[in-house]
Amino acid sequence: FEPGWRWSENIKPIAQTDSCQVSHLGYVLSGRMKVFMDSGSEEEVGPNQVFAIPPGHDAEVVGDEPCVMVDFGEFGEYAKR
């Protein structure tokens, strides 16, 4: 994900949902991403971290470095109309 990427700006128009409704299980190789849950909680993940993010979130790349991650989740349904 490139610097400046945000789910609500780049994917929401395609997914047509208020927040990402896909769960994500993965590992961050480099860069940082901040996740904003519908509940109001926030979490930031960075290099060498494993993450588990449930449905109902927005996310954005933090800083000037691309965020590179491996997501072992449900990409068959990601951003489908």
PDB file of N, CA and C in Angstrom:
ATOM      1  N   PHE A   1       0.838  -1.161   0.000  1.00  0.00           N
ATOM      2  CA  PHE A   1       0.000   0.000   0.000  1.00  0.00           C
ATOM      3  C   PHE A   1       0.890   1.233   0.000  1.00  0.00           C
ATOM      4  N   GLU A   2       0.625   2.167  -0.907  1.00  0.00           N
ATOM      5  CA  GLU A   2       1.452   3.356  -1.060  1.00  0.00           C
ATOM      6  C   GLU A   2       1.122   4.417  -0.004  1.00  0.00           C
ATOM      7  N   PRO A   3       2.084   5.292   0.307  1.00  0.00           N
ATOM      8  CA  PRO A   3       1.804   6.400   1.225  1.00  0.00           C
ATOM      9  C   PRO A   3       0.575   7.181   0.746  1.00  0.00           C
ATOM     10  N   GLY A   4      -0.272   7.557   1.682  1.00  0.00           N
ATOM     11  CA  GLY A   4      -1.501   8.274   1.352  1.00  0.00           C
ATOM     12  C   GLY A   4      -2.702   7.378   1.118  1.00  0.00           C
ATOM     13  N   TRP A   5      -2.477   6.048   1.006  1.00  0.00           N
ATOM     14  CA  TRP A   5      -3.595   5.124   0.791  1.00  0.00           C
ATOM     15  C   TRP A   5      -4.470   5.070   2.032  1.00  0.00           C
ATOM     16  N   ARG A   6      -5.786   5.105   1.834  1.00  0.00           N
ATOM     17  CA  ARG A   6      -6.747   4.925   2.920  1.00  0.00           C
ATOM     18  C   ARG A   6      -7.930   4.133   2.362  1.00  0.00           C
ATOM     19  N   TRP A   7      -8.367   3.125   3.127  1.00  0.00           N
ATOM     20  CA  TRP A   7      -9.450   2.259   2.670  1.00  0.00           C
ATOM     21  C   TRP A   7     -10.679   3.078   2.297  1.00  0.00           C
ATOM     22  N   SER A   8     -11.081   4.010   3.161  1.00  0.00           N
ATOM     23  CA  SER A   8     -12.316   4.763   2.934  1.00  0.00           C
ATOM     24  C   SER A   8     -12.253   5.655   1.700  1.00  0.00           C
ATOM     25  N   GLU A   9     -11.066   5.985   1.236  1.00  0.00           N
ATOM     26  CA  GLU A   9     -10.929   6.808   0.035  1.00  0.00           C
ATOM     27  C   GLU A   9     -10.699   5.969  -1.221  1.00  0.00           C
ATOM     28  N   ASN A  10      -9.965   4.875  -1.083  1.00  0.00           N
ATOM     29  CA  ASN A  10      -9.559   4.104  -2.253  1.00  0.00           C
ATOM     30  C   ASN A  10     -10.405   2.866  -2.531  1.00  0.00           C
ATOM     31  N   ILE A  11     -10.983   2.270  -1.515  1.00  0.00           N
ATOM     32  CA  ILE A  11     -11.718   1.014  -1.693  1.00  0.00           C
ATOM     33  C   ILE A  11     -13.216   1.165  -1.426  1.00  0.00           C
ATOM     34  N   LYS A  12     -13.599   2.027  -0.502  1.00  0.00           N
ATOM     35  CA  LYS A  12     -15.016   2.204  -0.153  1.00  0.00           C
ATOM     36  C   LYS A  12     -15.904   2.430  -1.380  1.00  0.00           C
ATOM     37  N   PRO A  13     -15.493   3.260  -2.358  1.00  0.00           N
ATOM     38  CA  PRO A  13     -16.354   3.444  -3.533  1.00  0.00           C
ATOM     39  C   PRO A  13     -16.581   2.155  -4.329  1.00  0.00           C
ATOM     40  N   ILE A  14     -15.631   1.233  -4.262  1.00  0.00           N
ATOM     41  CA  ILE A  14     -15.764  -0.047  -4.963  1.00  0.00           C
ATOM     42  C   ILE A  14     -16.593  -1.022  -4.128  1.00  0.00           C
ATOM     43  N   ALA A  15     -16.262  -1.120  -2.840  1.00  0.00           N
ATOM     44  CA  ALA A  15     -16.936  -2.071  -1.948  1.00  0.00           C
ATOM     45  C   ALA A  15     -18.369  -1.653  -1.643  1.00  0.00           C
ATOM     46  N   GLN A  16     -18.627  -0.350  -1.651  1.00  0.00           N
ATOM     47  CA  GLN A  16     -19.944   0.214  -1.346  1.00  0.00           C
ATOM     48  C   GLN A  16     -20.445  -0.195   0.036  1.00  0.00           C
ATOM     49  N   THR A  17     -19.520  -0.222   1.000  1.00  0.00           N
ATOM     50  CA  THR A  17     -19.865  -0.424   2.404  1.00  0.00           C
ATOM     51  C   THR A  17     -19.221   0.710   3.189  1.00  0.00           C
ATOM     52  N   ASP A  18     -19.733   0.989   4.387  1.00  0.00           N
ATOM     53  CA  ASP A  18     -19.195   2.092   5.188  1.00  0.00           C
ATOM     54  C   ASP A  18     -17.800   1.805   5.715  1.00  0.00           C
ATOM     55  N   SER A  19     -17.493   0.529   5.910  1.00  0.00           N
ATOM     56  CA  SER A  19     -16.165   0.131   6.387  1.00  0.00           C
ATOM     57  C   SER A  19     -15.823  -1.219   5.765  1.00  0.00           C
ATOM     58  N   CYS A  20     -14.576  -1.630   5.902  1.00  0.00           N
ATOM     59  CA  CYS A  20     -14.154  -2.919   5.360  1.00  0.00           C
ATOM     60  C   CYS A  20     -14.836  -4.038   6.144  1.00  0.00           C
ATOM     61  N   GLN A  21     -15.506  -4.934   5.441  1.00  0.00           N
ATOM     62  CA  GLN A  21     -16.235  -6.025   6.076  1.00  0.00           C
ATOM     63  C   GLN A  21     -15.531  -7.368   5.908  1.00  0.00           C
ATOM     64  N   VAL A  22     -14.225  -7.308   5.661  1.00  0.00           N
ATOM     65  CA  VAL A  22     -13.407  -8.512   5.501  1.00  0.00           C
ATOM     66  C   VAL A  22     -12.459  -8.619   6.689  1.00  0.00           C
ATOM     67  N   SER A  23     -12.298  -9.815   7.230  1.00  0.00           N
ATOM     68  CA  SER A  23     -11.305 -10.016   8.291  1.00  0.00           C
ATOM     69  C   SER A  23      -9.934 -10.206   7.649  1.00  0.00           C
ATOM     70  N   HIS A  24      -8.898  -9.807   8.374  1.00  0.00           N
ATOM     71  CA  HIS A  24      -7.531  -9.914   7.864  1.00  0.00           C
ATOM     72  C   HIS A  24      -6.642 -10.564   8.912  1.00  0.00           C
ATOM     73  N   LEU A  25      -5.872 -11.540   8.501  1.00  0.00           N
ATOM     74  CA  LEU A  25      -4.847 -12.165   9.329  1.00  0.00           C
ATOM     75  C   LEU A  25      -3.573 -12.082   8.515  1.00  0.00           C
ATOM     76  N   GLY A  26      -2.542 -11.444   9.064  1.00  0.00           N
ATOM     77  CA  GLY A  26      -1.352 -11.266   8.251  1.00  0.00           C
ATOM     78  C   GLY A  26      -0.116 -10.882   9.025  1.00  0.00           C
ATOM     79  N   TYR A  27       0.890 -10.464   8.259  1.00  0.00           N
ATOM     80  CA  TYR A  27       2.211 -10.133   8.788  1.00  0.00           C
ATOM     81  C   TYR A  27       2.733  -8.914   8.030  1.00  0.00           C
ATOM     82  N   VAL A  28       3.229  -7.908   8.768  1.00  0.00           N
ATOM     83  CA  VAL A  28       3.767  -6.693   8.153  1.00  0.00           C
ATOM     84  C   VAL A  28       5.255  -6.885   7.879  1.00  0.00           C
ATOM     85  N   LEU A  29       5.647  -6.711   6.624  1.00  0.00           N
ATOM     86  CA  LEU A  29       7.055  -6.810   6.237  1.00  0.00           C
ATOM     87  C   LEU A  29       7.770  -5.477   6.422  1.00  0.00           C
ATOM     88  N   SER A  30       7.120  -4.376   6.024  1.00  0.00           N
ATOM     89  CA  SER A  30       7.714  -3.045   6.169  1.00  0.00           C
ATOM     90  C   SER A  30       6.611  -1.997   6.139  1.00  0.00           C
ATOM     91  N   GLY A  31       6.927  -0.814   6.652  1.00  0.00           N
ATOM     92  CA  GLY A  31       5.954   0.269   6.699  1.00  0.00           C
ATOM     93  C   GLY A  31       5.016   0.134   7.887  1.00  0.00           C
ATOM     94  N   ARG A  32       4.058   1.056   7.953  1.00  0.00           N
ATOM     95  CA  ARG A  32       3.112   1.074   9.067  1.00  0.00           C
ATOM     96  C   ARG A  32       1.707   1.332   8.544  1.00  0.00           C
ATOM     97  N   MET A  33       0.720   0.768   9.243  1.00  0.00           N
ATOM     98  CA  MET A  33      -0.674   1.013   8.908  1.00  0.00           C
ATOM     99  C   MET A  33      -1.454   1.206  10.201  1.00  0.00           C
ATOM    100  N   LYS A  34      -2.342   2.184  10.197  1.00  0.00           N
ATOM    101  CA  LYS A  34      -3.214   2.433  11.345  1.00  0.00           C
ATOM    102  C   LYS A  34      -4.606   1.946  10.983  1.00  0.00           C
ATOM    103  N   VAL A  35      -5.221   1.219  11.909  1.00  0.00           N
ATOM    104  CA  VAL A  35      -6.538   0.636  11.707  1.00  0.00           C
ATOM    105  C   VAL A  35      -7.512   1.325  12.655  1.00  0.00           C
ATOM    106  N   PHE A  36      -8.652   1.733  12.114  1.00  0.00           N
ATOM    107  CA  PHE A  36      -9.697   2.415  12.873  1.00  0.00           C
ATOM    108  C   PHE A  36     -10.926   1.513  12.891  1.00  0.00           C
ATOM    109  N   MET A  37     -11.251   0.955  14.050  1.00  0.00           N
ATOM    110  CA  MET A  37     -12.397   0.058  14.162  1.00  0.00           C
ATOM    111  C   MET A  37     -13.697   0.861  14.248  1.00  0.00           C
ATOM    112  N   ASP A  38     -14.788   0.271  13.766  1.00  0.00           N
ATOM    113  CA  ASP A  38     -16.096   0.921  13.857  1.00  0.00           C
ATOM    114  C   ASP A  38     -16.464   1.228  15.304  1.00  0.00           C
ATOM    115  N   SER A  39     -15.926   0.466  16.242  1.00  0.00           N
ATOM    116  CA  SER A  39     -16.207   0.663  17.670  1.00  0.00           C
ATOM    117  C   SER A  39     -15.540   1.915  18.226  1.00  0.00           C
ATOM    118  N   GLY A  40     -14.589   2.486  17.461  1.00  0.00           N
ATOM    119  CA  GLY A  40     -13.866   3.669  17.920  1.00  0.00           C
ATOM    120  C   GLY A  40     -12.441   3.380  18.352  1.00  0.00           C
ATOM    121  N   SER A  41     -12.089   2.117  18.529  1.00  0.00           N
ATOM    122  CA  SER A  41     -10.715   1.797  18.921  1.00  0.00           C
ATOM    123  C   SER A  41      -9.791   1.906  17.709  1.00  0.00           C
ATOM    124  N   GLU A  42      -8.506   2.106  17.986  1.00  0.00           N
ATOM    125  CA  GLU A  42      -7.498   2.249  16.937  1.00  0.00           C
ATOM    126  C   GLU A  42      -6.301   1.376  17.280  1.00  0.00           C
ATOM    127  N   GLU A  43      -5.610   0.910  16.243  1.00  0.00           N
ATOM    128  CA  GLU A  43      -4.399   0.114  16.432  1.00  0.00           C
ATOM    129  C   GLU A  43      -3.451   0.415  15.282  1.00  0.00           C
ATOM    130  N   GLU A  44      -2.165   0.484  15.575  1.00  0.00           N
ATOM    131  CA  GLU A  44      -1.169   0.679  14.534  1.00  0.00           C
ATOM    132  C   GLU A  44      -0.288  -0.560  14.478  1.00  0.00           C
ATOM    133  N   VAL A  45      -0.039  -1.046  13.265  1.00  0.00           N
ATOM    134  CA  VAL A  45       0.828  -2.206  13.078  1.00  0.00           C
ATOM    135  C   VAL A  45       2.028  -1.800  12.241  1.00  0.00           C
ATOM    136  N   GLY A  46       3.152  -2.485  12.488  1.00  0.00           N
ATOM    137  CA  GLY A  46       4.384  -2.151  11.786  1.00  0.00           C
ATOM    138  C   GLY A  46       5.225  -3.376  11.518  1.00  0.00           C
ATOM    139  N   PRO A  47       6.458  -3.162  11.088  1.00  0.00           N
ATOM    140  CA  PRO A  47       7.335  -4.253  10.665  1.00  0.00           C
ATOM    141  C   PRO A  47       7.454  -5.385  11.691  1.00  0.00           C
ATOM    142  N   ASN A  48       7.431  -6.605  11.173  1.00  0.00           N
ATOM    143  CA  ASN A  48       7.601  -7.826  11.962  1.00  0.00           C
ATOM    144  C   ASN A  48       6.463  -8.077  12.943  1.00  0.00           C
ATOM    145  N   GLN A  49       5.293  -7.504  12.679  1.00  0.00           N
ATOM    146  CA  GLN A  49       4.127  -7.746  13.531  1.00  0.00           C
ATOM    147  C   GLN A  49       3.120  -8.626  12.801  1.00  0.00           C
ATOM    148  N   VAL A  50       2.519  -9.533  13.554  1.00  0.00           N
ATOM    149  CA  VAL A  50       1.388 -10.322  13.088  1.00  0.00           C
ATOM    150  C   VAL A  50       0.139  -9.545  13.473  1.00  0.00           C
ATOM    151  N   PHE A  51      -0.877  -9.557  12.611  1.00  0.00           N
ATOM    152  CA  PHE A  51      -2.111  -8.840  12.934  1.00  0.00           C
ATOM    153  C   PHE A  51      -3.327  -9.703  12.628  1.00  0.00           C
ATOM    154  N   ALA A  52      -4.381  -9.467  13.405  1.00  0.00           N
ATOM    155  CA  ALA A  52      -5.691 -10.068  13.180  1.00  0.00           C
ATOM    156  C   ALA A  52      -6.699  -8.939  13.319  1.00  0.00           C
ATOM    157  N   ILE A  53      -7.342  -8.590  12.221  1.00  0.00           N
ATOM    158  CA  ILE A  53      -8.269  -7.468  12.206  1.00  0.00           C
ATOM    159  C   ILE A  53      -9.640  -7.998  11.802  1.00  0.00           C
ATOM    160  N   PRO A  54     -10.647  -7.838  12.665  1.00  0.00           N
ATOM    161  CA  PRO A  54     -11.985  -8.316  12.328  1.00  0.00           C
ATOM    162  C   PRO A  54     -12.685  -7.374  11.348  1.00  0.00           C
ATOM    163  N   PRO A  55     -13.790  -7.811  10.769  1.00  0.00           N
ATOM    164  CA  PRO A  55     -14.572  -6.927   9.904  1.00  0.00           C
ATOM    165  C   PRO A  55     -15.018  -5.679  10.670  1.00  0.00           C
ATOM    166  N   GLY A  56     -15.259  -4.603   9.926  1.00  0.00           N
ATOM    167  CA  GLY A  56     -15.739  -3.364  10.530  1.00  0.00           C
ATOM    168  C   GLY A  56     -14.615  -2.405  10.843  1.00  0.00           C
ATOM    169  N   HIS A  57     -13.832  -2.038   9.831  1.00  0.00           N
ATOM    170  CA  HIS A  57     -12.692  -1.153  10.067  1.00  0.00           C
ATOM    171  C   HIS A  57     -12.370  -0.312   8.835  1.00  0.00           C
ATOM    172  N   ASP A  58     -11.625   0.742   9.066  1.00  0.00           N
ATOM    173  CA  ASP A  58     -10.991   1.565   8.038  1.00  0.00           C
ATOM    174  C   ASP A  58      -9.499   1.446   8.324  1.00  0.00           C
ATOM    175  N   ALA A  59      -8.651   1.798   7.382  1.00  0.00           N
ATOM    176  CA  ALA A  59      -7.207   1.725   7.611  1.00  0.00           C
ATOM    177  C   ALA A  59      -6.504   2.714   6.704  1.00  0.00           C
ATOM    178  N   GLU A  60      -5.334   3.177   7.159  1.00  0.00           N
ATOM    179  CA  GLU A  60      -4.537   4.081   6.335  1.00  0.00           C
ATOM    180  C   GLU A  60      -3.056   3.824   6.551  1.00  0.00           C
ATOM    181  N   VAL A  61      -2.280   4.071   5.500  1.00  0.00           N
ATOM    182  CA  VAL A  61      -0.825   3.974   5.590  1.00  0.00           C
ATOM    183  C   VAL A  61      -0.329   5.158   6.405  1.00  0.00           C
ATOM    184  N   VAL A  62       0.610   4.892   7.316  1.00  0.00           N
ATOM    185  CA  VAL A  62       1.197   5.923   8.168  1.00  0.00           C
ATOM    186  C   VAL A  62       2.591   6.247   7.644  1.00  0.00           C
ATOM    187  N   GLY A  63       2.869   7.524   7.445  1.00  0.00           N
ATOM    188  CA  GLY A  63       4.204   7.951   7.046  1.00  0.00           C
ATOM    189  C   GLY A  63       4.429   7.942   5.546  1.00  0.00           C
ATOM    190  N   ASP A  64       5.695   8.081   5.174  1.00  0.00           N
ATOM    191  CA  ASP A  64       6.089   8.217   3.772  1.00  0.00           C
ATOM    192  C   ASP A  64       6.585   6.924   3.138  1.00  0.00           C
ATOM    193  N   GLU A  65       6.538   5.828   3.873  1.00  0.00           N
ATOM    194  CA  GLU A  65       7.022   4.541   3.373  1.00  0.00           C
ATOM    195  C   GLU A  65       5.833   3.654   3.014  1.00  0.00           C
ATOM    196  N   PRO A  66       5.883   2.949   1.877  1.00  0.00           N
ATOM    197  CA  PRO A  66       4.813   2.002   1.569  1.00  0.00           C
ATOM    198  C   PRO A  66       4.687   0.951   2.674  1.00  0.00           C
ATOM    199  N   CYS A  67       3.479   0.464   2.878  1.00  0.00           N
ATOM    200  CA  CYS A  67       3.245  -0.611   3.845  1.00  0.00           C
ATOM    201  C   CYS A  67       3.120  -1.913   3.051  1.00  0.00           C
ATOM    202  N   VAL A  68       4.062  -2.816   3.293  1.00  0.00           N
ATOM    203  CA  VAL A  68       4.088  -4.100   2.596  1.00  0.00           C
ATOM    204  C   VAL A  68       3.723  -5.177   3.606  1.00  0.00           C
ATOM    205  N   MET A  69       2.694  -5.943   3.285  1.00  0.00           N
ATOM    206  CA  MET A  69       2.233  -6.977   4.210  1.00  0.00           C
ATOM    207  C   MET A  69       1.789  -8.209   3.447  1.00  0.00           C
ATOM    208  N   VAL A  70       1.757  -9.313   4.163  1.00  0.00           N
ATOM    209  CA  VAL A  70       1.208 -10.560   3.649  1.00  0.00           C
ATOM    210  C   VAL A  70      -0.104 -10.767   4.378  1.00  0.00           C
ATOM    211  N   ASP A  71      -1.196 -10.912   3.630  1.00  0.00           N
ATOM    212  CA  ASP A  71      -2.518 -11.137   4.220  1.00  0.00           C
ATOM    213  C   ASP A  71      -2.941 -12.553   3.852  1.00  0.00           C
ATOM    214  N   PHE A  72      -3.177 -13.382   4.863  1.00  0.00           N
ATOM    215  CA  PHE A  72      -3.540 -14.782   4.642  1.00  0.00           C
ATOM    216  C   PHE A  72      -5.054 -14.964   4.578  1.00  0.00           C
ATOM    217  N   GLY A  73      -5.791 -13.860   4.469  1.00  0.00           N
ATOM    218  CA  GLY A  73      -7.246 -13.879   4.612  1.00  0.00           C
ATOM    219  C   GLY A  73      -8.045 -14.061   3.344  1.00  0.00           C
ATOM    220  N   GLU A  74      -9.202 -13.435   3.336  1.00  0.00           N
ATOM    221  CA  GLU A  74     -10.291 -13.664   2.394  1.00  0.00           C
ATOM    222  C   GLU A  74     -10.240 -12.757   1.170  1.00  0.00           C
ATOM    223  N   PHE A  75      -9.171 -12.762   0.415  1.00  0.00           N
ATOM    224  CA  PHE A  75      -9.078 -11.843  -0.710  1.00  0.00           C
ATOM    225  C   PHE A  75     -10.016 -12.193  -1.858  1.00  0.00           C
ATOM    226  N   GLY A  76     -10.623 -13.348  -1.847  1.00  0.00           N
ATOM    227  CA  GLY A  76     -11.606 -13.674  -2.872  1.00  0.00           C
ATOM    228  C   GLY A  76     -12.819 -12.768  -2.818  1.00  0.00           C
ATOM    229  N   GLU A  77     -13.092 -12.194  -1.656  1.00  0.00           N
ATOM    230  CA  GLU A  77     -14.243 -11.313  -1.473  1.00  0.00           C
ATOM    231  C   GLU A  77     -13.847  -9.856  -1.311  1.00  0.00           C
ATOM    232  N   TYR A  78     -12.557  -9.541  -1.352  1.00  0.00           N
ATOM    233  CA  TYR A  78     -12.070  -8.186  -1.081  1.00  0.00           C
ATOM    234  C   TYR A  78     -12.553  -7.202  -2.140  1.00  0.00           C
ATOM    235  N   ALA A  79     -13.219  -6.145  -1.703  1.00  0.00           N
ATOM    236  CA  ALA A  79     -13.670  -5.034  -2.552  1.00  0.00           C
ATOM    237  C   ALA A  79     -14.605  -5.469  -3.674  1.00  0.00           C
ATOM    238  N   LYS A  80     -15.369  -6.535  -3.458  1.00  0.00           N
ATOM    239  CA  LYS A  80     -16.358  -6.939  -4.455  1.00  0.00           C
ATOM    240  C   LYS A  80     -17.591  -6.067  -4.324  1.00  0.00           C
ATOM    241  N   ARG A  81     -18.250  -5.837  -5.451  1.00  0.00           N
ATOM    242  CA  ARG A  81     -19.523  -5.098  -5.432  1.00  0.00           C
ATOM    243  C   ARG A  81     -20.642  -6.041  -5.097  1.00  0.00           C
TER     244      ARG A  81
END
